[in-house]
Amino acid sequence: MSYELAISTKRLAKTFNGKEVIRSCNMSVEKGAIYGFVGKNGAGKTTVIKMLLGLLQPTAGEATVLGLDSIKDNLEILRRTGSLVETSIFYEHLSALDNLEIHLGYMNMQETNLENVMEIVGLANVGVQPVSTFSLGMRQRLGIARALVHKPELLILDEPINGLDPVGIKEMRELFLRLAKQNGITILLSSHILSEVEQIADKIGFIVDGAIKCEVSPLEIKMNYPAGIEDYFMQIVNGGKADE
């Protein structure tokens, strides 16, 4: 069966200072799906994400996002995509709401219900506080609010639950599921918390040494590898075959 893809990469490669860090990377993310992107530190997840957003130019290959070329059309991709990449940077002396308003200005988008977005991510009643007073978890929630505020078709989130406590992790899990299943938003998220990825992802891509080793559904892992996703992951990233 053929599915319309929100993200597609073909033989994507990136070289830094003569070292190939992404090599022949092929990724397929179906529209409306949640795609978990996992791998060891340094495997290349953030580099791939930056190339999808047009923040880095591939050395070879191509990346298509929402039917658009990641380099030629990166401004349109950024307008239609919400992203959280590495550490979120805010205007520290301004309030959370002011930061969201500035982001909408950058996007040339009309103002939406900012208080509603803040409530969705669990930041109700703190919108007027300076961001400098926010904890790590609150900053992460604000970063997710900024990714959502312009009503994107696609979310690309790099470690979105980093810094959240167990309650916050559960709230974000439920939010991501709701956005995908009820709102039809496609979500690509990377995370080191395999159990969370397993609970929400429709498909999981395992990246090893700059290349996606396999793309598989959590259901397939459970059916074919009863030892669980952690053991599956360890075999994949250490060069073994997970079905052995």
C-alpha atoms as a PDB file:
ATOM      1  CA  MET A   1       0.000   0.000   0.000  1.00  0.00           C
ATOM      2  CA  SER A   2       1.260   3.496  -0.848  1.00  0.00           C
ATOM      3  CA  TYR A   3       1.030   6.310   1.693  1.00  0.00           C
ATOM      4  CA  GLU A   4       1.517  10.015   1.236  1.00  0.00           C
ATOM      5  CA  LEU A   5       4.748  11.032   2.934  1.00  0.00           C
ATOM      6  CA  ALA A   6       5.305  14.113   5.078  1.00  0.00           C
ATOM      7  CA  ILE A   7       9.080  13.505   5.125  1.00  0.00           C
ATOM      8  CA  SER A   8      11.240  11.577   2.697  1.00  0.00           C
ATOM      9  CA  THR A   9      15.027  11.413   2.451  1.00  0.00           C
ATOM     10  CA  LYS A  10      17.011   9.582  -0.201  1.00  0.00           C
ATOM     11  CA  ARG A  11      20.706   8.795   0.195  1.00  0.00           C
ATOM     12  CA  LEU A  12      21.063  11.833   2.459  1.00  0.00           C
ATOM     13  CA  ALA A  13      24.669  12.493   3.460  1.00  0.00           C
ATOM     14  CA  LYS A  14      26.579  15.147   5.396  1.00  0.00           C
ATOM     15  CA  THR A  15      30.312  15.594   5.766  1.00  0.00           C
ATOM     16  CA  PHE A  16      32.043  17.837   8.308  1.00  0.00           C
ATOM     17  CA  ASN A  17      35.773  18.519   7.910  1.00  0.00           C
ATOM     18  CA  GLY A  18      36.216  15.468   5.706  1.00  0.00           C
ATOM     19  CA  LYS A  19      34.328  13.141   8.052  1.00  0.00           C
ATOM     20  CA  GLU A  20      31.033  11.677   6.840  1.00  0.00           C
ATOM     21  CA  VAL A  21      28.626  11.868   9.785  1.00  0.00           C
ATOM     22  CA  ILE A  22      25.433  11.094   7.841  1.00  0.00           C
ATOM     23  CA  ARG A  23      25.707   8.475   5.120  1.00  0.00           C
ATOM     24  CA  SER A  24      23.094   7.300   2.623  1.00  0.00           C
ATOM     25  CA  CYS A  25      20.273   8.009   5.072  1.00  0.00           C
ATOM     26  CA  ASN A  26      16.800   6.986   3.869  1.00  0.00           C
ATOM     27  CA  MET A  27      13.759   8.013   5.917  1.00  0.00           C
ATOM     28  CA  SER A  28      10.019   7.786   5.277  1.00  0.00           C
ATOM     29  CA  VAL A  29       7.493   9.502   7.569  1.00  0.00           C
ATOM     30  CA  GLU A  30       3.833   9.078   6.681  1.00  0.00           C
ATOM     31  CA  LYS A  31       1.431  12.009   6.986  1.00  0.00           C
ATOM     32  CA  GLY A  32      -0.489  12.046  10.252  1.00  0.00           C
ATOM     33  CA  ALA A  33       1.871   9.543  11.891  1.00  0.00           C
ATOM     34  CA  ILE A  34       4.150   9.787  14.919  1.00  0.00           C
ATOM     35  CA  TYR A  35       7.682   8.755  13.958  1.00  0.00           C
ATOM     36  CA  GLY A  36      10.140   7.973  16.741  1.00  0.00           C
ATOM     37  CA  PHE A  37      13.775   8.690  15.880  1.00  0.00           C
ATOM     38  CA  VAL A  38      16.244   6.889  18.142  1.00  0.00           C
ATOM     39  CA  GLY A  39      19.952   6.209  18.331  1.00  0.00           C
ATOM     40  CA  LYS A  40      22.985   6.607  20.561  1.00  0.00           C
ATOM     41  CA  ASN A  41      24.471  10.027  21.303  1.00  0.00           C
ATOM     42  CA  GLY A  42      26.418  11.151  18.265  1.00  0.00           C
ATOM     43  CA  ALA A  43      24.564   8.849  15.857  1.00  0.00           C
ATOM     44  CA  GLY A  44      23.392  11.847  13.812  1.00  0.00           C
ATOM     45  CA  LYS A  45      19.787  12.505  14.879  1.00  0.00           C
ATOM     46  CA  THR A  46      20.127  16.256  15.342  1.00  0.00           C
ATOM     47  CA  THR A  47      22.144  16.636  12.138  1.00  0.00           C
ATOM     48  CA  VAL A  48      19.389  14.895  10.155  1.00  0.00           C
ATOM     49  CA  ILE A  49      16.750  17.084  11.805  1.00  0.00           C
ATOM     50  CA  LYS A  50      18.675  20.245  10.910  1.00  0.00           C
ATOM     51  CA  MET A  51      18.922  19.114   7.291  1.00  0.00           C
ATOM     52  CA  LEU A  52      15.175  18.453   7.162  1.00  0.00           C
ATOM     53  CA  LEU A  53      14.558  22.024   8.312  1.00  0.00           C
ATOM     54  CA  GLY A  54      17.081  23.462   5.851  1.00  0.00           C
ATOM     55  CA  LEU A  55      19.342  24.666   8.670  1.00  0.00           C
ATOM     56  CA  LEU A  56      22.160  22.529   7.261  1.00  0.00           C
ATOM     57  CA  GLN A  57      22.768  21.737   3.601  1.00  0.00           C
ATOM     58  CA  PRO A  58      23.307  18.081   2.677  1.00  0.00           C
ATOM     59  CA  THR A  59      26.596  17.084   1.123  1.00  0.00           C
ATOM     60  CA  ALA A  60      24.698  14.591  -1.042  1.00  0.00           C
ATOM     61  CA  GLY A  61      21.215  13.161  -1.455  1.00  0.00           C
ATOM     62  CA  GLU A  62      17.925  14.937  -0.951  1.00  0.00           C
ATOM     63  CA  ALA A  63      15.299  15.628   1.683  1.00  0.00           C
ATOM     64  CA  THR A  64      11.658  16.400   0.944  1.00  0.00           C
ATOM     65  CA  VAL A  65       9.426  17.846   3.678  1.00  0.00           C
ATOM     66  CA  LEU A  66       5.701  18.395   3.059  1.00  0.00           C
ATOM     67  CA  GLY A  67       6.452  17.938  -0.635  1.00  0.00           C
ATOM     68  CA  LEU A  68       9.060  20.708  -0.563  1.00  0.00           C
ATOM     69  CA  ASP A  69      12.816  20.653  -1.129  1.00  0.00           C
ATOM     70  CA  SER A  70      14.609  21.170   2.187  1.00  0.00           C
ATOM     71  CA  ILE A  71      17.089  23.650   0.692  1.00  0.00           C
ATOM     72  CA  LYS A  72      15.200  25.511  -2.030  1.00  0.00           C
ATOM     73  CA  ASP A  73      11.986  25.781  -0.010  1.00  0.00           C
ATOM     74  CA  ASN A  74      13.285  25.900   3.565  1.00  0.00           C
ATOM     75  CA  LEU A  75      11.485  29.149   4.465  1.00  0.00           C
ATOM     76  CA  GLU A  76       8.148  27.646   3.451  1.00  0.00           C
ATOM     77  CA  ILE A  77       9.025  24.466   5.370  1.00  0.00           C
ATOM     78  CA  LEU A  78       9.806  26.519   8.483  1.00  0.00           C
ATOM     79  CA  ARG A  79       6.492  28.382   8.115  1.00  0.00           C
ATOM     80  CA  ARG A  80       4.512  25.126   7.969  1.00  0.00           C
ATOM     81  CA  THR A  81       6.562  23.255  10.568  1.00  0.00           C
ATOM     82  CA  GLY A  82       6.936  23.611  14.313  1.00  0.00           C
ATOM     83  CA  SER A  83      10.323  22.601  15.652  1.00  0.00           C
ATOM     84  CA  LEU A  84      12.272  22.164  18.847  1.00  0.00           C
ATOM     85  CA  VAL A  85      15.972  21.618  18.185  1.00  0.00           C
ATOM     86  CA  GLU A  86      18.605  21.381  20.940  1.00  0.00           C
ATOM     87  CA  THR A  87      18.372  24.068  23.655  1.00  0.00           C
ATOM     88  CA  SER A  88      15.557  26.574  23.166  1.00  0.00           C
ATOM     89  CA  ILE A  89      16.663  30.215  23.155  1.00  0.00           C
ATOM     90  CA  PHE A  90      14.285  32.857  24.466  1.00  0.00           C
ATOM     91  CA  TYR A  91      14.299  36.563  25.285  1.00  0.00           C
ATOM     92  CA  GLU A  92      14.979  36.062  28.979  1.00  0.00           C
ATOM     93  CA  HIS A  93      13.733  39.444  30.224  1.00  0.00           C
ATOM     94  CA  LEU A  94      10.430  39.111  28.380  1.00  0.00           C
ATOM     95  CA  SER A  95       7.399  37.093  29.392  1.00  0.00           C
ATOM     96  CA  ALA A  96       6.434  33.753  27.876  1.00  0.00           C
ATOM     97  CA  LEU A  97       3.530  35.403  26.042  1.00  0.00           C
ATOM     98  CA  ASP A  98       5.810  38.112  24.656  1.00  0.00           C
ATOM     99  CA  ASN A  99       8.170  35.422  23.347  1.00  0.00           C
ATOM    100  CA  LEU A 100       5.289  33.676  21.583  1.00  0.00           C
ATOM    101  CA  GLU A 101       4.101  36.961  20.063  1.00  0.00           C
ATOM    102  CA  ILE A 102       7.598  37.645  18.727  1.00  0.00           C
ATOM    103  CA  HIS A 103       7.699  34.174  17.190  1.00  0.00           C
ATOM    104  CA  LEU A 104       4.381  34.793  15.428  1.00  0.00           C
ATOM    105  CA  GLY A 105       5.816  38.049  14.099  1.00  0.00           C
ATOM    106  CA  TYR A 106       8.810  36.197  12.661  1.00  0.00           C
ATOM    107  CA  MET A 107       6.409  33.752  11.016  1.00  0.00           C
ATOM    108  CA  ASN A 108       4.280  36.628   9.676  1.00  0.00           C
ATOM    109  CA  MET A 109       1.273  34.896  11.205  1.00  0.00           C
ATOM    110  CA  GLN A 110      -1.817  36.389  12.804  1.00  0.00           C
ATOM    111  CA  GLU A 111      -2.085  36.263  16.564  1.00  0.00           C
ATOM    112  CA  THR A 112      -3.809  33.186  17.917  1.00  0.00           C
ATOM    113  CA  ASN A 113      -5.137  32.379  21.391  1.00  0.00           C
ATOM    114  CA  LEU A 114      -1.806  32.412  23.189  1.00  0.00           C
ATOM    115  CA  GLU A 115      -3.280  31.646  26.594  1.00  0.00           C
ATOM    116  CA  ASN A 116      -4.899  28.513  25.164  1.00  0.00           C
ATOM    117  CA  VAL A 117      -1.565  27.317  23.762  1.00  0.00           C
ATOM    118  CA  MET A 118       0.082  27.944  27.126  1.00  0.00           C
ATOM    119  CA  GLU A 119      -2.641  25.933  28.850  1.00  0.00           C
ATOM    120  CA  ILE A 120      -2.256  23.052  26.383  1.00  0.00           C
ATOM    121  CA  VAL A 121       1.426  22.646  27.300  1.00  0.00           C
ATOM    122  CA  GLY A 122       0.801  22.994  31.046  1.00  0.00           C
ATOM    123  CA  LEU A 123       1.854  26.614  31.527  1.00  0.00           C
ATOM    124  CA  ALA A 124      -1.483  28.158  32.469  1.00  0.00           C
ATOM    125  CA  ASN A 125      -1.267  31.341  34.569  1.00  0.00           C
ATOM    126  CA  VAL A 126       2.497  31.884  34.114  1.00  0.00           C
ATOM    127  CA  GLY A 127       2.413  33.668  30.758  1.00  0.00           C
ATOM    128  CA  VAL A 128       3.323  37.057  32.228  1.00  0.00           C
ATOM    129  CA  GLN A 129       6.368  35.768  34.123  1.00  0.00           C
ATOM    130  CA  PRO A 130       9.817  36.573  32.701  1.00  0.00           C
ATOM    131  CA  VAL A 131      11.339  33.503  31.074  1.00  0.00           C
ATOM    132  CA  SER A 132      14.415  34.028  33.271  1.00  0.00           C
ATOM    133  CA  THR A 133      12.347  32.691  36.193  1.00  0.00           C
ATOM    134  CA  PHE A 134      11.427  29.446  34.401  1.00  0.00           C
ATOM    135  CA  SER A 135      12.780  26.039  35.387  1.00  0.00           C
ATOM    136  CA  LEU A 136      14.246  23.667  32.791  1.00  0.00           C
ATOM    137  CA  GLY A 137      10.951  21.821  32.524  1.00  0.00           C
ATOM    138  CA  MET A 138       8.993  25.063  32.081  1.00  0.00           C
ATOM    139  CA  ARG A 139      11.390  26.161  29.349  1.00  0.00           C
ATOM    140  CA  GLN A 140      10.880  22.861  27.580  1.00  0.00           C
ATOM    141  CA  ARG A 141       7.109  23.316  27.756  1.00  0.00           C
ATOM    142  CA  LEU A 142       7.482  26.852  26.387  1.00  0.00           C
ATOM    143  CA  GLY A 143       9.614  25.515  23.546  1.00  0.00           C
ATOM    144  CA  ILE A 144       6.822  23.093  22.657  1.00  0.00           C
ATOM    145  CA  ALA A 145       4.282  25.948  22.889  1.00  0.00           C
ATOM    146  CA  ARG A 146       6.394  27.974  20.445  1.00  0.00           C
ATOM    147  CA  ALA A 147       6.509  24.998  18.084  1.00  0.00           C
ATOM    148  CA  LEU A 148       2.689  24.783  18.199  1.00  0.00           C
ATOM    149  CA  VAL A 149       1.588  28.403  18.298  1.00  0.00           C
ATOM    150  CA  HIS A 150       1.494  29.018  14.528  1.00  0.00           C
ATOM    151  CA  LYS A 151      -0.597  25.866  13.933  1.00  0.00           C
ATOM    152  CA  PRO A 152       1.907  23.788  11.943  1.00  0.00           C
ATOM    153  CA  GLU A 153       1.182  20.751   9.783  1.00  0.00           C
ATOM    154  CA  LEU A 154       4.330  19.018  11.004  1.00  0.00           C
ATOM    155  CA  LEU A 155       6.201  18.940  14.318  1.00  0.00           C
ATOM    156  CA  ILE A 156       9.911  18.078  14.423  1.00  0.00           C
ATOM    157  CA  LEU A 157      10.956  17.732  18.053  1.00  0.00           C
ATOM    158  CA  ASP A 158      14.475  16.915  19.249  1.00  0.00           C
ATOM    159  CA  GLU A 159      14.297  15.433  22.787  1.00  0.00           C
ATOM    160  CA  PRO A 160      11.000  17.197  23.625  1.00  0.00           C
ATOM    161  CA  ILE A 161      10.578  15.583  27.057  1.00  0.00           C
ATOM    162  CA  ASN A 162      14.074  16.450  28.264  1.00  0.00           C
ATOM    163  CA  GLY A 163      13.876  18.080  31.701  1.00  0.00           C
ATOM    164  CA  LEU A 164      10.276  17.069  32.359  1.00  0.00           C
ATOM    165  CA  ASP A 165       9.202  15.184  35.473  1.00  0.00           C
ATOM    166  CA  PRO A 166       7.069  11.995  35.212  1.00  0.00           C
ATOM    167  CA  VAL A 167       3.836  14.011  35.295  1.00  0.00           C
ATOM    168  CA  GLY A 168       5.096  16.296  32.535  1.00  0.00           C
ATOM    169  CA  ILE A 169       6.232  13.339  30.434  1.00  0.00           C
ATOM    170  CA  LYS A 170       2.768  11.778  30.684  1.00  0.00           C
ATOM    171  CA  GLU A 171       1.102  15.078  29.781  1.00  0.00           C
ATOM    172  CA  MET A 172       3.318  15.512  26.706  1.00  0.00           C
ATOM    173  CA  ARG A 173       2.698  11.905  25.648  1.00  0.00           C
ATOM    174  CA  GLU A 174      -1.049  12.530  25.752  1.00  0.00           C
ATOM    175  CA  LEU A 175      -0.636  15.865  23.935  1.00  0.00           C
ATOM    176  CA  PHE A 176       1.397  14.348  21.093  1.00  0.00           C
ATOM    177  CA  LEU A 177      -1.104  11.524  20.651  1.00  0.00           C
ATOM    178  CA  ARG A 178      -3.981  14.004  20.593  1.00  0.00           C
ATOM    179  CA  LEU A 179      -2.262  16.269  18.057  1.00  0.00           C
ATOM    180  CA  ALA A 180      -1.598  13.349  15.719  1.00  0.00           C
ATOM    181  CA  LYS A 181      -4.818  11.379  16.095  1.00  0.00           C
ATOM    182  CA  GLN A 182      -7.324  14.231  16.455  1.00  0.00           C
ATOM    183  CA  ASN A 183      -5.632  17.103  14.604  1.00  0.00           C
ATOM    184  CA  GLY A 184      -3.809  15.142  11.920  1.00  0.00           C
ATOM    185  CA  ILE A 185      -0.445  16.723  12.712  1.00  0.00           C
ATOM    186  CA  THR A 186       2.565  14.653  11.673  1.00  0.00           C
ATOM    187  CA  ILE A 187       5.182  14.348  14.422  1.00  0.00           C
ATOM    188  CA  LEU A 188       8.824  13.353  14.171  1.00  0.00           C
ATOM    189  CA  LEU A 189      10.422  13.172  17.596  1.00  0.00           C
ATOM    190  CA  SER A 190      13.749  11.983  18.873  1.00  0.00           C
ATOM    191  CA  SER A 191      14.120  10.688  22.404  1.00  0.00           C
ATOM    192  CA  HIS A 192      16.436   8.616  24.564  1.00  0.00           C
ATOM    193  CA  ILE A 193      13.470   7.317  26.551  1.00  0.00           C
ATOM    194  CA  LEU A 194      12.676   4.192  24.552  1.00  0.00           C
ATOM    195  CA  SER A 195       9.593   3.285  26.574  1.00  0.00           C
ATOM    196  CA  GLU A 196       7.980   6.632  25.696  1.00  0.00           C
ATOM    197  CA  VAL A 197       8.759   6.243  21.999  1.00  0.00           C
ATOM    198  CA  GLU A 198       7.343   2.725  22.090  1.00  0.00           C
ATOM    199  CA  GLN A 199       4.076   3.971  23.625  1.00  0.00           C
ATOM    200  CA  ILE A 200       3.292   6.684  21.079  1.00  0.00           C
ATOM    201  CA  ALA A 201       5.134   5.985  17.813  1.00  0.00           C
ATOM    202  CA  ASP A 202       3.509   4.452  14.755  1.00  0.00           C
ATOM    203  CA  LYS A 203       6.981   3.751  13.382  1.00  0.00           C
ATOM    204  CA  ILE A 204      10.485   3.929  14.850  1.00  0.00           C
ATOM    205  CA  GLY A 205      13.619   4.715  12.868  1.00  0.00           C
ATOM    206  CA  PHE A 206      16.893   3.431  14.351  1.00  0.00           C
ATOM    207  CA  ILE A 207      19.934   5.458  13.293  1.00  0.00           C
ATOM    208  CA  VAL A 208      23.388   3.906  13.664  1.00  0.00           C
ATOM    209  CA  ASP A 209      26.604   5.714  12.681  1.00  0.00           C
ATOM    210  CA  GLY A 210      24.770   8.183  10.474  1.00  0.00           C
ATOM    211  CA  ALA A 211      22.500   5.763   8.615  1.00  0.00           C
ATOM    212  CA  ILE A 212      19.005   4.537   9.386  1.00  0.00           C
ATOM    213  CA  LYS A 213      19.424   0.835  10.029  1.00  0.00           C
ATOM    214  CA  CYS A 214      15.706   0.016  10.024  1.00  0.00           C
ATOM    215  CA  GLU A 215      12.224   1.508  10.305  1.00  0.00           C
ATOM    216  CA  VAL A 216       9.808  -0.682  12.223  1.00  0.00           C
ATOM    217  CA  SER A 217       6.547  -0.387  14.150  1.00  0.00           C
ATOM    218  CA  PRO A 218       6.422  -1.032  17.924  1.00  0.00           C
ATOM    219  CA  LEU A 219       3.910  -3.800  17.197  1.00  0.00           C
ATOM    220  CA  GLU A 220       6.407  -5.573  14.943  1.00  0.00           C
ATOM    221  CA  ILE A 221       9.031  -5.345  17.680  1.00  0.00           C
ATOM    222  CA  LYS A 222       6.641  -6.859  20.236  1.00  0.00           C
ATOM    223  CA  MET A 223       5.579  -9.646  17.872  1.00  0.00           C
ATOM    224  CA  ASN A 224       9.047 -10.598  16.672  1.00  0.00           C
ATOM    225  CA  TYR A 225      11.203  -9.649  19.623  1.00  0.00           C
ATOM    226  CA  PRO A 226       9.487 -10.443  22.939  1.00  0.00           C
ATOM    227  CA  ALA A 227      12.597  -9.432  24.917  1.00  0.00           C
ATOM    228  CA  GLY A 228      11.455  -5.842  24.343  1.00  0.00           C
ATOM    229  CA  ILE A 229      12.489  -2.614  22.691  1.00  0.00           C
ATOM    230  CA  GLU A 230      15.532  -1.981  24.904  1.00  0.00           C
ATOM    231  CA  ASP A 231      17.191  -5.260  23.927  1.00  0.00           C
ATOM    232  CA  TYR A 232      16.131  -4.721  20.321  1.00  0.00           C
ATOM    233  CA  PHE A 233      17.753  -1.273  20.412  1.00  0.00           C
ATOM    234  CA  MET A 234      20.971  -2.605  21.938  1.00  0.00           C
ATOM    235  CA  GLN A 235      21.363  -5.232  19.240  1.00  0.00           C
ATOM    236  CA  ILE A 236      20.612  -2.752  16.452  1.00  0.00           C
ATOM    237  CA  VAL A 237      23.042  -0.073  17.618  1.00  0.00           C
ATOM    238  CA  ASN A 238      25.771  -2.624  18.387  1.00  0.00           C
ATOM    239  CA  GLY A 239      25.656  -4.005  14.881  1.00  0.00           C
ATOM    240  CA  GLY A 240      23.715  -7.188  15.473  1.00  0.00           C
ATOM    241  CA  LYS A 241      20.472  -8.392  13.974  1.00  0.00           C
ATOM    242  CA  ALA A 242      17.579  -7.861  16.312  1.00  0.00           C
ATOM    243  CA  ASP A 243      15.690 -10.919  15.103  1.00  0.00           C
ATOM    244  CA  GLU A 244      18.421 -13.335  16.052  1.00  0.00           C
END
